[in-house]
Amino acid sequence: MGLLPTARGYYRYAGSLTTPPCSETVEWMILKQPLEVDAQDIEAFAKLYPHNARPVQKINRRFVLRFV
């Protein structure tokens, strides 16, 4: 199995960093078809980046674009 799904549709929107200073300088691309990740990989990532999240933000007039 490859790293990416065969269906490559995605959503895109302008957003912000997930860590301080939370600058709104990021173009997020989210795959429509989720990928599975092993729990061990998530734990290893969390050890490297312990502050890798912020609360979900309101959409605040952001446009979410869908690409098929």
PDB file of N, CA and C in Angstrom:
ATOM      1  N   MET A   1       0.849  -1.184   0.000  1.00  0.00           N
ATOM      2  CA  MET A   1       0.000   0.000   0.000  1.00  0.00           C
ATOM      3  C   MET A   1       0.889   1.241   0.000  1.00  0.00           C
ATOM      4  N   GLY A   2       0.539   2.225  -0.815  1.00  0.00           N
ATOM      5  CA  GLY A   2       1.297   3.463  -0.889  1.00  0.00           C
ATOM      6  C   GLY A   2       0.956   4.403   0.260  1.00  0.00           C
ATOM      7  N   LEU A   3       1.708   5.455   0.349  1.00  0.00           N
ATOM      8  CA  LEU A   3       1.497   6.437   1.400  1.00  0.00           C
ATOM      9  C   LEU A   3       0.196   7.209   1.202  1.00  0.00           C
ATOM     10  N   LEU A   4      -0.118   7.562  -0.039  1.00  0.00           N
ATOM     11  CA  LEU A   4      -1.332   8.330  -0.324  1.00  0.00           C
ATOM     12  C   LEU A   4      -2.437   7.418  -0.849  1.00  0.00           C
ATOM     13  N   PRO A   5      -3.703   7.767  -0.574  1.00  0.00           N
ATOM     14  CA  PRO A   5      -4.810   6.967  -1.106  1.00  0.00           C
ATOM     15  C   PRO A   5      -4.900   7.123  -2.621  1.00  0.00           C
ATOM     16  N   THR A   6      -5.567   6.175  -3.255  1.00  0.00           N
ATOM     17  CA  THR A   6      -5.719   6.257  -4.712  1.00  0.00           C
ATOM     18  C   THR A   6      -6.626   7.416  -5.100  1.00  0.00           C
ATOM     19  N   ALA A   7      -7.678   7.685  -4.316  1.00  0.00           N
ATOM     20  CA  ALA A   7      -8.540   8.847  -4.554  1.00  0.00           C
ATOM     21  C   ALA A   7      -7.843  10.048  -3.927  1.00  0.00           C
ATOM     22  N   ARG A   8      -7.435  10.994  -4.742  1.00  0.00           N
ATOM     23  CA  ARG A   8      -6.621  12.105  -4.246  1.00  0.00           C
ATOM     24  C   ARG A   8      -7.407  13.393  -4.035  1.00  0.00           C
ATOM     25  N   GLY A   9      -8.720  13.331  -3.867  1.00  0.00           N
ATOM     26  CA  GLY A   9      -9.496  14.546  -3.624  1.00  0.00           C
ATOM     27  C   GLY A   9      -9.099  15.164  -2.285  1.00  0.00           C
ATOM     28  N   TYR A  10      -9.240  16.490  -2.189  1.00  0.00           N
ATOM     29  CA  TYR A  10      -8.865  17.158  -0.947  1.00  0.00           C
ATOM     30  C   TYR A  10      -9.627  18.470  -0.784  1.00  0.00           C
ATOM     31  N   TYR A  11      -9.541  19.020   0.407  1.00  0.00           N
ATOM     32  CA  TYR A  11     -10.089  20.329   0.734  1.00  0.00           C
ATOM     33  C   TYR A  11      -8.910  21.249   1.017  1.00  0.00           C
ATOM     34  N   ARG A  12      -9.069  22.530   0.735  1.00  0.00           N
ATOM     35  CA  ARG A  12      -8.003  23.490   0.985  1.00  0.00           C
ATOM     36  C   ARG A  12      -8.592  24.752   1.591  1.00  0.00           C
ATOM     37  N   TYR A  13      -7.894  25.318   2.562  1.00  0.00           N
ATOM     38  CA  TYR A  13      -8.329  26.589   3.136  1.00  0.00           C
ATOM     39  C   TYR A  13      -7.141  27.318   3.757  1.00  0.00           C
ATOM     40  N   ALA A  14      -7.268  28.628   3.864  1.00  0.00           N
ATOM     41  CA  ALA A  14      -6.249  29.451   4.520  1.00  0.00           C
ATOM     42  C   ALA A  14      -6.482  29.360   6.022  1.00  0.00           C
ATOM     43  N   GLY A  15      -5.416  29.080   6.765  1.00  0.00           N
ATOM     44  CA  GLY A  15      -5.564  28.927   8.204  1.00  0.00           C
ATOM     45  C   GLY A  15      -4.359  29.467   8.943  1.00  0.00           C
ATOM     46  N   SER A  16      -4.096  28.868  10.101  1.00  0.00           N
ATOM     47  CA  SER A  16      -3.015  29.372  10.938  1.00  0.00           C
ATOM     48  C   SER A  16      -2.182  28.219  11.484  1.00  0.00           C
ATOM     49  N   LEU A  17      -1.034  28.583  12.047  1.00  0.00           N
ATOM     50  CA  LEU A  17      -0.168  27.610  12.697  1.00  0.00           C
ATOM     51  C   LEU A  17      -0.880  27.003  13.905  1.00  0.00           C
ATOM     52  N   THR A  18      -0.521  25.775  14.268  1.00  0.00           N
ATOM     53  CA  THR A  18      -1.150  25.115  15.410  1.00  0.00           C
ATOM     54  C   THR A  18      -0.400  25.368  16.710  1.00  0.00           C
ATOM     55  N   THR A  19       0.683  26.123  16.643  1.00  0.00           N
ATOM     56  CA  THR A  19       1.467  26.467  17.828  1.00  0.00           C
ATOM     57  C   THR A  19       1.736  27.969  17.822  1.00  0.00           C
ATOM     58  N   PRO A  20       2.003  28.548  18.978  1.00  0.00           N
ATOM     59  CA  PRO A  20       2.298  29.986  19.018  1.00  0.00           C
ATOM     60  C   PRO A  20       3.432  30.327  18.069  1.00  0.00           C
ATOM     61  N   PRO A  21       3.316  31.402  17.362  1.00  0.00           N
ATOM     62  CA  PRO A  21       2.422  32.535  17.548  1.00  0.00           C
ATOM     63  C   PRO A  21       1.071  32.398  16.841  1.00  0.00           C
ATOM     64  N   CYS A  22       0.745  31.224  16.323  1.00  0.00           N
ATOM     65  CA  CYS A  22      -0.547  30.957  15.657  1.00  0.00           C
ATOM     66  C   CYS A  22      -0.802  31.910  14.487  1.00  0.00           C
ATOM     67  N   SER A  23       0.240  32.267  13.801  1.00  0.00           N
ATOM     68  CA  SER A  23       0.136  33.171  12.648  1.00  0.00           C
ATOM     69  C   SER A  23      -0.755  32.571  11.567  1.00  0.00           C
ATOM     70  N   GLU A  24      -1.543  33.423  10.944  1.00  0.00           N
ATOM     71  CA  GLU A  24      -2.437  32.966   9.883  1.00  0.00           C
ATOM     72  C   GLU A  24      -1.702  33.014   8.549  1.00  0.00           C
ATOM     73  N   THR A  25      -0.747  32.106   8.394  1.00  0.00           N
ATOM     74  CA  THR A  25       0.105  32.100   7.198  1.00  0.00           C
ATOM     75  C   THR A  25       0.167  30.724   6.540  1.00  0.00           C
ATOM     76  N   VAL A  26      -0.783  29.862   6.853  1.00  0.00           N
ATOM     77  CA  VAL A  26      -0.726  28.475   6.394  1.00  0.00           C
ATOM     78  C   VAL A  26      -1.850  28.187   5.411  1.00  0.00           C
ATOM     79  N   GLU A  27      -1.535  27.485   4.325  1.00  0.00           N
ATOM     80  CA  GLU A  27      -2.552  26.955   3.414  1.00  0.00           C
ATOM     81  C   GLU A  27      -2.700  25.479   3.757  1.00  0.00           C
ATOM     82  N   TRP A  28      -3.804  25.105   4.386  1.00  0.00           N
ATOM     83  CA  TRP A  28      -4.043  23.718   4.782  1.00  0.00           C
ATOM     84  C   TRP A  28      -4.637  22.938   3.627  1.00  0.00           C
ATOM     85  N   MET A  29      -4.179  21.712   3.467  1.00  0.00           N
ATOM     86  CA  MET A  29      -4.732  20.788   2.481  1.00  0.00           C
ATOM     87  C   MET A  29      -5.091  19.516   3.232  1.00  0.00           C
ATOM     88  N   ILE A  30      -6.370  19.141   3.200  1.00  0.00           N
ATOM     89  CA  ILE A  30      -6.879  18.007   3.951  1.00  0.00           C
ATOM     90  C   ILE A  30      -7.418  16.968   2.971  1.00  0.00           C
ATOM     91  N   LEU A  31      -6.881  15.757   3.018  1.00  0.00           N
ATOM     92  CA  LEU A  31      -7.357  14.697   2.136  1.00  0.00           C
ATOM     93  C   LEU A  31      -8.802  14.325   2.458  1.00  0.00           C
ATOM     94  N   LYS A  32      -9.603  14.072   1.412  1.00  0.00           N
ATOM     95  CA  LYS A  32     -10.979  13.624   1.618  1.00  0.00           C
ATOM     96  C   LYS A  32     -11.016  12.217   2.213  1.00  0.00           C
ATOM     97  N   GLN A  33     -10.116  11.381   1.765  1.00  0.00           N
ATOM     98  CA  GLN A  33     -10.056  10.004   2.253  1.00  0.00           C
ATOM     99  C   GLN A  33      -9.000   9.940   3.363  1.00  0.00           C
ATOM    100  N   PRO A  34      -9.413   9.639   4.596  1.00  0.00           N
ATOM    101  CA  PRO A  34      -8.455   9.614   5.707  1.00  0.00           C
ATOM    102  C   PRO A  34      -7.382   8.541   5.535  1.00  0.00           C
ATOM    103  N   LEU A  35      -6.234   8.783   6.131  1.00  0.00           N
ATOM    104  CA  LEU A  35      -5.150   7.808   6.177  1.00  0.00           C
ATOM    105  C   LEU A  35      -5.115   7.190   7.568  1.00  0.00           C
ATOM    106  N   GLU A  36      -4.713   5.941   7.651  1.00  0.00           N
ATOM    107  CA  GLU A  36      -4.551   5.298   8.951  1.00  0.00           C
ATOM    108  C   GLU A  36      -3.104   5.439   9.399  1.00  0.00           C
ATOM    109  N   VAL A  37      -2.928   5.717  10.689  1.00  0.00           N
ATOM    110  CA  VAL A  37      -1.602   5.868  11.266  1.00  0.00           C
ATOM    111  C   VAL A  37      -1.528   4.983  12.499  1.00  0.00           C
ATOM    112  N   ASP A  38      -0.421   4.269  12.651  1.00  0.00           N
ATOM    113  CA  ASP A  38      -0.237   3.411  13.818  1.00  0.00           C
ATOM    114  C   ASP A  38      -0.147   4.244  15.089  1.00  0.00           C
ATOM    115  N   ALA A  39      -0.673   3.719  16.181  1.00  0.00           N
ATOM    116  CA  ALA A  39      -0.620   4.393  17.473  1.00  0.00           C
ATOM    117  C   ALA A  39       0.831   4.692  17.873  1.00  0.00           C
ATOM    118  N   GLN A  40       1.746   3.785  17.547  1.00  0.00           N
ATOM    119  CA  GLN A  40       3.167   3.996  17.862  1.00  0.00           C
ATOM    120  C   GLN A  40       3.712   5.230  17.154  1.00  0.00           C
ATOM    121  N   ASP A  41       3.295   5.435  15.912  1.00  0.00           N
ATOM    122  CA  ASP A  41       3.754   6.597  15.170  1.00  0.00           C
ATOM    123  C   ASP A  41       3.211   7.891  15.775  1.00  0.00           C
ATOM    124  N   ILE A  42       1.967   7.858  16.212  1.00  0.00           N
ATOM    125  CA  ILE A  42       1.368   9.035  16.841  1.00  0.00           C
ATOM    126  C   ILE A  42       2.090   9.356  18.153  1.00  0.00           C
ATOM    127  N   GLU A  43       2.385   8.328  18.938  1.00  0.00           N
ATOM    128  CA  GLU A  43       3.110   8.525  20.198  1.00  0.00           C
ATOM    129  C   GLU A  43       4.501   9.097  19.949  1.00  0.00           C
ATOM    130  N   ALA A  44       5.200   8.591  18.954  1.00  0.00           N
ATOM    131  CA  ALA A  44       6.534   9.093  18.630  1.00  0.00           C
ATOM    132  C   ALA A  44       6.471  10.561  18.200  1.00  0.00           C
ATOM    133  N   PHE A  45       5.474  10.895  17.397  1.00  0.00           N
ATOM    134  CA  PHE A  45       5.289  12.277  16.956  1.00  0.00           C
ATOM    135  C   PHE A  45       5.001  13.183  18.143  1.00  0.00           C
ATOM    136  N   ALA A  46       4.120  12.723  19.051  1.00  0.00           N
ATOM    137  CA  ALA A  46       3.753  13.519  20.229  1.00  0.00           C
ATOM    138  C   ALA A  46       4.958  13.785  21.126  1.00  0.00           C
ATOM    139  N   LYS A  47       5.891  12.854  21.196  1.00  0.00           N
ATOM    140  CA  LYS A  47       7.109  13.067  21.991  1.00  0.00           C
ATOM    141  C   LYS A  47       7.992  14.140  21.359  1.00  0.00           C
ATOM    142  N   LEU A  48       8.058  14.144  20.034  1.00  0.00           N
ATOM    143  CA  LEU A  48       8.865  15.144  19.335  1.00  0.00           C
ATOM    144  C   LEU A  48       8.225  16.528  19.359  1.00  0.00           C
ATOM    145  N   TYR A  49       6.892  16.561  19.299  1.00  0.00           N
ATOM    146  CA  TYR A  49       6.142  17.821  19.231  1.00  0.00           C
ATOM    147  C   TYR A  49       5.036  17.821  20.276  1.00  0.00           C
ATOM    148  N   PRO A  50       5.374  18.025  21.553  1.00  0.00           N
ATOM    149  CA  PRO A  50       4.374  17.911  22.619  1.00  0.00           C
ATOM    150  C   PRO A  50       3.317  19.012  22.618  1.00  0.00           C
ATOM    151  N   HIS A  51       3.574  20.133  21.973  1.00  0.00           N
ATOM    152  CA  HIS A  51       2.600  21.236  21.958  1.00  0.00           C
ATOM    153  C   HIS A  51       2.099  21.471  20.542  1.00  0.00           C
ATOM    154  N   ASN A  52       1.667  20.410  19.890  1.00  0.00           N
ATOM    155  CA  ASN A  52       1.310  20.471  18.477  1.00  0.00           C
ATOM    156  C   ASN A  52      -0.183  20.659  18.244  1.00  0.00           C
ATOM    157  N   ALA A  53      -0.871  21.375  19.099  1.00  0.00           N
ATOM    158  CA  ALA A  53      -2.301  21.542  18.878  1.00  0.00           C
ATOM    159  C   ALA A  53      -2.794  22.814  19.541  1.00  0.00           C
ATOM    160  N   ARG A  54      -3.885  23.303  19.028  1.00  0.00           N
ATOM    161  CA  ARG A  54      -4.593  24.405  19.663  1.00  0.00           C
ATOM    162  C   ARG A  54      -6.064  24.103  19.503  1.00  0.00           C
ATOM    163  N   PRO A  55      -6.915  24.744  20.277  1.00  0.00           N
ATOM    164  CA  PRO A  55      -8.347  24.458  20.146  1.00  0.00           C
ATOM    165  C   PRO A  55      -8.841  24.743  18.726  1.00  0.00           C
ATOM    166  N   VAL A  56      -9.871  24.036  18.320  1.00  0.00           N
ATOM    167  CA  VAL A  56     -10.486  24.263  17.008  1.00  0.00           C
ATOM    168  C   VAL A  56     -10.985  25.699  16.949  1.00  0.00           C
ATOM    169  N   GLN A  57     -10.738  26.354  15.836  1.00  0.00           N
ATOM    170  CA  GLN A  57     -11.128  27.745  15.661  1.00  0.00           C
ATOM    171  C   GLN A  57     -12.406  27.845  14.832  1.00  0.00           C
ATOM    172  N   LYS A  58     -13.133  28.935  15.004  1.00  0.00           N
ATOM    173  CA  LYS A  58     -14.312  29.185  14.174  1.00  0.00           C
ATOM    174  C   LYS A  58     -13.862  29.415  12.740  1.00  0.00           C
ATOM    175  N   ILE A  59     -14.758  29.199  11.793  1.00  0.00           N
ATOM    176  CA  ILE A  59     -14.394  29.329  10.379  1.00  0.00           C
ATOM    177  C   ILE A  59     -14.091  30.782  10.004  1.00  0.00           C
ATOM    178  N   ASN A  60     -14.692  31.747  10.706  1.00  0.00           N
ATOM    179  CA  ASN A  60     -14.373  33.173  10.515  1.00  0.00           C
ATOM    180  C   ASN A  60     -14.272  33.593   9.052  1.00  0.00           C
ATOM    181  N   ARG A  61     -15.292  33.313   8.290  1.00  0.00           N
ATOM    182  CA  ARG A  61     -15.385  33.699   6.873  1.00  0.00           C
ATOM    183  C   ARG A  61     -14.314  33.081   5.983  1.00  0.00           C
ATOM    184  N   ARG A  62     -13.701  32.016   6.423  1.00  0.00           N
ATOM    185  CA  ARG A  62     -12.735  31.340   5.555  1.00  0.00           C
ATOM    186  C   ARG A  62     -13.495  30.556   4.499  1.00  0.00           C
ATOM    187  N   PHE A  63     -12.933  30.487   3.342  1.00  0.00           N
ATOM    188  CA  PHE A  63     -13.512  29.694   2.275  1.00  0.00           C
ATOM    189  C   PHE A  63     -12.833  28.338   2.253  1.00  0.00           C
ATOM    190  N   VAL A  64     -13.631  27.278   2.240  1.00  0.00           N
ATOM    191  CA  VAL A  64     -13.101  25.922   2.139  1.00  0.00           C
ATOM    192  C   VAL A  64     -13.319  25.486   0.696  1.00  0.00           C
ATOM    193  N   LEU A  65     -12.238  25.201  -0.012  1.00  0.00           N
ATOM    194  CA  LEU A  65     -12.318  24.804  -1.410  1.00  0.00           C
ATOM    195  C   LEU A  65     -12.213  23.300  -1.521  1.00  0.00           C
ATOM    196  N   ARG A  66     -13.039  22.718  -2.398  1.00  0.00           N
ATOM    197  CA  ARG A  66     -13.016  21.257  -2.591  1.00  0.00           C
ATOM    198  C   ARG A  66     -12.428  20.949  -3.946  1.00  0.00           C
ATOM    199  N   PHE A  67     -11.463  20.033  -3.963  1.00  0.00           N
ATOM    200  CA  PHE A  67     -10.822  19.589  -5.199  1.00  0.00           C
ATOM    201  C   PHE A  67     -11.086  18.100  -5.350  1.00  0.00           C
ATOM    202  N   VAL A  68     -11.588  17.696  -6.498  1.00  0.00           N
ATOM    203  CA  VAL A  68     -11.900  16.276  -6.721  1.00  0.00           C
ATOM    204  C   VAL A  68     -10.865  15.613  -7.598  1.00  0.00           C
TER     205      VAL A  68
END
